[in-house]
């Protein structure tokens, strides 16, 4: 389904970060900051330790004007990924 461009249907069937992330990027490309944040939040919920998703969410929140939310996500990213690998 995803290969056929039916991203939302693919995400409904397989609700994973891998499915939500392209929907967020599509929303960004359309100028829909709130939609992008929403899809990135879903990707974060599906895989809360994904560095790429946390970074993209923080950046999307900042573009949407949510500086406090962006800062909180950046702090979460640093907290999850500091120290020895695997910690």
N, C-alpha and C. Protein backbone atom coordinates (compact mmCIF):
# COMPACT_ATOMS: atom_id res chain seq x y z
N UNK A 1 0.82 -1.21 0.00
CA UNK A 1 0.00 0.00 0.00
C UNK A 1 0.86 1.26 0.00
N UNK A 2 1.90 1.26 0.84
CA UNK A 2 2.77 2.43 0.90
C UNK A 2 3.44 2.68 -0.45
N UNK A 3 3.89 1.62 -1.10
CA UNK A 3 4.53 1.75 -2.40
C UNK A 3 3.57 2.29 -3.46
N UNK A 4 2.29 2.05 -3.25
CA UNK A 4 1.28 2.54 -4.18
C UNK A 4 0.83 3.96 -3.83
N UNK A 5 1.47 4.55 -2.81
CA UNK A 5 1.12 5.91 -2.43
C UNK A 5 -0.05 6.02 -1.47
N UNK A 6 -0.52 4.91 -0.98
CA UNK A 6 -1.64 4.90 -0.03
C UNK A 6 -1.08 4.87 1.39
N UNK A 7 -0.43 5.98 1.76
CA UNK A 7 0.31 6.03 3.02
C UNK A 7 -0.60 5.92 4.25
N UNK A 8 -1.71 6.61 4.24
CA UNK A 8 -2.59 6.58 5.40
C UNK A 8 -3.20 5.19 5.60
N UNK A 9 -3.56 4.53 4.53
CA UNK A 9 -4.11 3.18 4.63
C UNK A 9 -3.05 2.22 5.15
N UNK A 10 -1.82 2.38 4.65
CA UNK A 10 -0.72 1.53 5.12
C UNK A 10 -0.48 1.75 6.61
N UNK A 11 -0.56 3.01 7.06
CA UNK A 11 -0.34 3.32 8.48
C UNK A 11 -1.47 2.76 9.34
N UNK A 12 -2.67 2.74 8.80
CA UNK A 12 -3.80 2.18 9.57
C UNK A 12 -3.62 0.68 9.76
N UNK A 13 -3.14 0.00 8.73
CA UNK A 13 -2.95 -1.44 8.80
C UNK A 13 -1.71 -1.80 9.62
N UNK A 14 -0.66 -1.05 9.44
CA UNK A 14 0.61 -1.29 10.16
C UNK A 14 1.02 0.00 10.87
N UNK A 15 0.48 0.27 12.07
CA UNK A 15 0.75 1.52 12.77
C UNK A 15 2.15 1.56 13.41
N UNK A 16 3.14 1.78 12.56
CA UNK A 16 4.53 1.82 13.02
C UNK A 16 5.14 3.17 12.67
N UNK A 17 6.27 3.48 13.30
CA UNK A 17 6.98 4.72 13.00
C UNK A 17 7.34 4.77 11.52
N UNK A 18 7.68 3.62 10.97
CA UNK A 18 8.05 3.54 9.55
C UNK A 18 6.90 3.99 8.65
N UNK A 19 5.69 3.81 9.08
CA UNK A 19 4.52 4.23 8.29
C UNK A 19 4.12 5.68 8.59
N UNK A 20 4.28 6.13 9.83
CA UNK A 20 3.87 7.48 10.20
C UNK A 20 4.84 8.55 9.70
N UNK A 21 6.13 8.21 9.67
CA UNK A 21 7.15 9.19 9.32
C UNK A 21 6.93 9.82 7.94
N UNK A 22 6.66 9.02 6.88
CA UNK A 22 6.42 9.64 5.58
C UNK A 22 5.17 10.52 5.54
N UNK A 23 4.18 10.17 6.35
CA UNK A 23 2.98 11.01 6.42
C UNK A 23 3.31 12.37 7.03
N UNK A 24 4.19 12.36 8.01
CA UNK A 24 4.63 13.62 8.62
C UNK A 24 5.40 14.46 7.62
N UNK A 25 6.29 13.82 6.89
CA UNK A 25 7.08 14.55 5.88
C UNK A 25 6.16 15.11 4.78
N UNK A 26 5.14 14.35 4.40
CA UNK A 26 4.20 14.84 3.40
C UNK A 26 3.44 16.06 3.92
N UNK A 27 3.03 16.00 5.19
CA UNK A 27 2.34 17.15 5.79
C UNK A 27 3.26 18.37 5.80
N UNK A 28 4.53 18.16 6.13
CA UNK A 28 5.49 19.27 6.10
C UNK A 28 5.60 19.87 4.71
N UNK A 29 5.69 19.01 3.70
CA UNK A 29 5.83 19.48 2.32
C UNK A 29 4.62 20.31 1.89
N UNK A 30 3.48 20.00 2.47
CA UNK A 30 2.24 20.73 2.15
C UNK A 30 2.08 22.00 2.99
N UNK A 31 3.01 22.22 3.91
CA UNK A 31 2.92 23.39 4.78
C UNK A 31 2.00 23.21 5.96
N UNK A 32 1.65 21.98 6.26
CA UNK A 32 0.74 21.66 7.37
C UNK A 32 1.57 21.33 8.62
N UNK A 33 2.00 22.35 9.34
CA UNK A 33 2.87 22.15 10.51
C UNK A 33 2.17 21.34 11.59
N UNK A 34 0.92 21.65 11.86
CA UNK A 34 0.19 20.92 12.90
C UNK A 34 0.01 19.45 12.52
N UNK A 35 -0.27 19.19 11.27
CA UNK A 35 -0.40 17.81 10.80
C UNK A 35 0.91 17.05 10.92
N UNK A 36 2.01 17.72 10.57
CA UNK A 36 3.33 17.09 10.68
C UNK A 36 3.62 16.73 12.12
N UNK A 37 3.36 17.64 13.04
CA UNK A 37 3.59 17.37 14.46
C UNK A 37 2.76 16.17 14.90
N UNK A 38 1.51 16.14 14.48
CA UNK A 38 0.62 15.04 14.86
C UNK A 38 1.16 13.69 14.37
N UNK A 39 1.60 13.63 13.11
CA UNK A 39 2.13 12.37 12.58
C UNK A 39 3.45 12.00 13.24
N UNK A 40 4.30 12.99 13.50
CA UNK A 40 5.56 12.69 14.20
C UNK A 40 5.29 12.20 15.62
N UNK A 41 4.27 12.73 16.27
CA UNK A 41 3.91 12.25 17.61
C UNK A 41 3.47 10.78 17.55
N UNK A 42 2.74 10.42 16.51
CA UNK A 42 2.33 9.03 16.36
C UNK A 42 3.55 8.14 16.12
N UNK A 43 4.49 8.63 15.31
CA UNK A 43 5.73 7.88 15.08
C UNK A 43 6.52 7.73 16.38
N UNK A 44 6.53 8.79 17.17
CA UNK A 44 7.24 8.75 18.46
C UNK A 44 6.59 7.73 19.40
N UNK A 45 5.27 7.70 19.42
CA UNK A 45 4.57 6.74 20.28
C UNK A 45 4.86 5.30 19.85
N UNK A 46 4.99 5.10 18.54
CA UNK A 46 5.27 3.75 18.03
C UNK A 46 6.70 3.32 18.31
N UNK A 47 7.63 4.28 18.32
CA UNK A 47 9.05 3.98 18.57
C UNK A 47 9.67 5.15 19.33
N UNK A 48 9.50 5.18 20.65
CA UNK A 48 9.92 6.34 21.44
C UNK A 48 11.42 6.58 21.50
N UNK A 49 12.23 5.63 21.09
CA UNK A 49 13.68 5.80 21.16
C UNK A 49 14.33 6.14 19.82
N UNK A 50 13.55 6.33 18.79
CA UNK A 50 14.10 6.61 17.46
C UNK A 50 14.65 8.03 17.40
N UNK A 51 15.94 8.13 17.28
CA UNK A 51 16.62 9.43 17.24
C UNK A 51 16.09 10.29 16.09
N UNK A 52 15.93 9.71 14.92
CA UNK A 52 15.47 10.45 13.75
C UNK A 52 14.08 11.05 14.00
N UNK A 53 13.21 10.28 14.61
CA UNK A 53 11.85 10.77 14.87
C UNK A 53 11.85 11.88 15.91
N UNK A 54 12.62 11.70 16.97
CA UNK A 54 12.68 12.74 18.00
C UNK A 54 13.21 14.05 17.43
N UNK A 55 14.25 13.96 16.62
CA UNK A 55 14.82 15.16 16.02
C UNK A 55 13.79 15.83 15.09
N UNK A 56 13.16 15.04 14.25
CA UNK A 56 12.17 15.59 13.32
C UNK A 56 10.99 16.21 14.07
N UNK A 57 10.56 15.58 15.16
CA UNK A 57 9.46 16.12 15.95
C UNK A 57 9.85 17.44 16.58
N UNK A 58 11.04 17.51 17.14
CA UNK A 58 11.50 18.77 17.75
C UNK A 58 11.54 19.89 16.71
N UNK A 59 12.08 19.58 15.54
CA UNK A 59 12.15 20.59 14.48
C UNK A 59 10.77 20.99 14.00
N UNK A 60 9.85 20.03 13.87
CA UNK A 60 8.49 20.34 13.43
C UNK A 60 7.77 21.20 14.47
N UNK A 61 7.96 20.89 15.74
CA UNK A 61 7.34 21.70 16.79
C UNK A 61 7.86 23.14 16.73
N UNK A 62 9.15 23.29 16.49
CA UNK A 62 9.71 24.64 16.41
C UNK A 62 9.13 25.39 15.21
N UNK A 63 9.03 24.73 14.07
CA UNK A 63 8.45 25.36 12.89
C UNK A 63 6.98 25.72 13.12
N UNK A 64 6.31 24.93 13.95
CA UNK A 64 4.89 25.19 14.25
C UNK A 64 4.73 26.31 15.30
N UNK A 65 5.86 26.81 15.83
CA UNK A 65 5.80 27.88 16.80
C UNK A 65 5.74 27.42 18.24
N UNK A 66 5.90 26.14 18.46
CA UNK A 66 5.85 25.57 19.82
C UNK A 66 7.27 25.40 20.35
N UNK A 67 7.86 26.52 20.76
CA UNK A 67 9.25 26.48 21.23
C UNK A 67 9.40 25.65 22.50
N UNK A 68 8.45 25.75 23.40
CA UNK A 68 8.53 24.97 24.65
C UNK A 68 8.42 23.48 24.36
N UNK A 69 7.53 23.11 23.46
CA UNK A 69 7.39 21.71 23.08
C UNK A 69 8.63 21.20 22.38
N UNK A 70 9.21 22.02 21.53
CA UNK A 70 10.44 21.65 20.83
C UNK A 70 11.57 21.42 21.83
N UNK A 71 11.68 22.32 22.78
CA UNK A 71 12.73 22.21 23.80
C UNK A 71 12.56 20.92 24.61
N UNK A 72 11.33 20.60 24.96
CA UNK A 72 11.06 19.39 25.74
C UNK A 72 11.46 18.14 24.95
N UNK A 73 11.19 18.12 23.66
CA UNK A 73 11.55 16.97 22.84
C UNK A 73 13.07 16.89 22.71
N UNK A 74 13.75 18.03 22.49
CA UNK A 74 15.22 18.02 22.42
C UNK A 74 15.81 17.48 23.72
N UNK A 75 15.27 17.92 24.85
CA UNK A 75 15.77 17.44 26.15
C UNK A 75 15.54 15.94 26.29
N UNK A 76 14.39 15.45 25.84
CA UNK A 76 14.11 14.02 25.88
C UNK A 76 15.11 13.26 25.00
N UNK A 77 15.36 13.80 23.82
CA UNK A 77 16.32 13.17 22.91
C UNK A 77 17.70 13.05 23.56
N UNK A 78 18.16 14.13 24.16
CA UNK A 78 19.48 14.13 24.80
C UNK A 78 19.49 13.14 25.96
N UNK A 79 18.44 13.16 26.77
CA UNK A 79 18.36 12.26 27.92
C UNK A 79 18.41 10.79 27.49
N UNK A 80 17.71 10.46 26.42
CA UNK A 80 17.66 9.07 25.94
C UNK A 80 18.95 8.62 25.29
N UNK A 81 19.71 9.54 24.72
CA UNK A 81 20.86 9.16 23.91
C UNK A 81 22.20 9.60 24.48
N UNK A 82 22.22 10.06 25.70
CA UNK A 82 23.52 10.41 26.28
C UNK A 82 24.11 9.19 26.98
N UNK A 83 25.39 9.21 27.22
CA UNK A 83 26.03 8.10 27.92
C UNK A 83 26.46 7.01 26.97
N UNK A 84 26.76 5.87 27.53
CA UNK A 84 27.22 4.74 26.74
C UNK A 84 26.15 4.27 25.78
N UNK A 85 26.55 3.83 24.58
CA UNK A 85 25.56 3.30 23.65
C UNK A 85 24.77 2.16 24.30
N UNK A 86 23.49 2.19 24.05
CA UNK A 86 22.62 1.14 24.60
C UNK A 86 22.02 1.49 25.94
N UNK A 87 22.46 2.58 26.55
CA UNK A 87 21.89 2.96 27.84
C UNK A 87 20.55 3.62 27.65
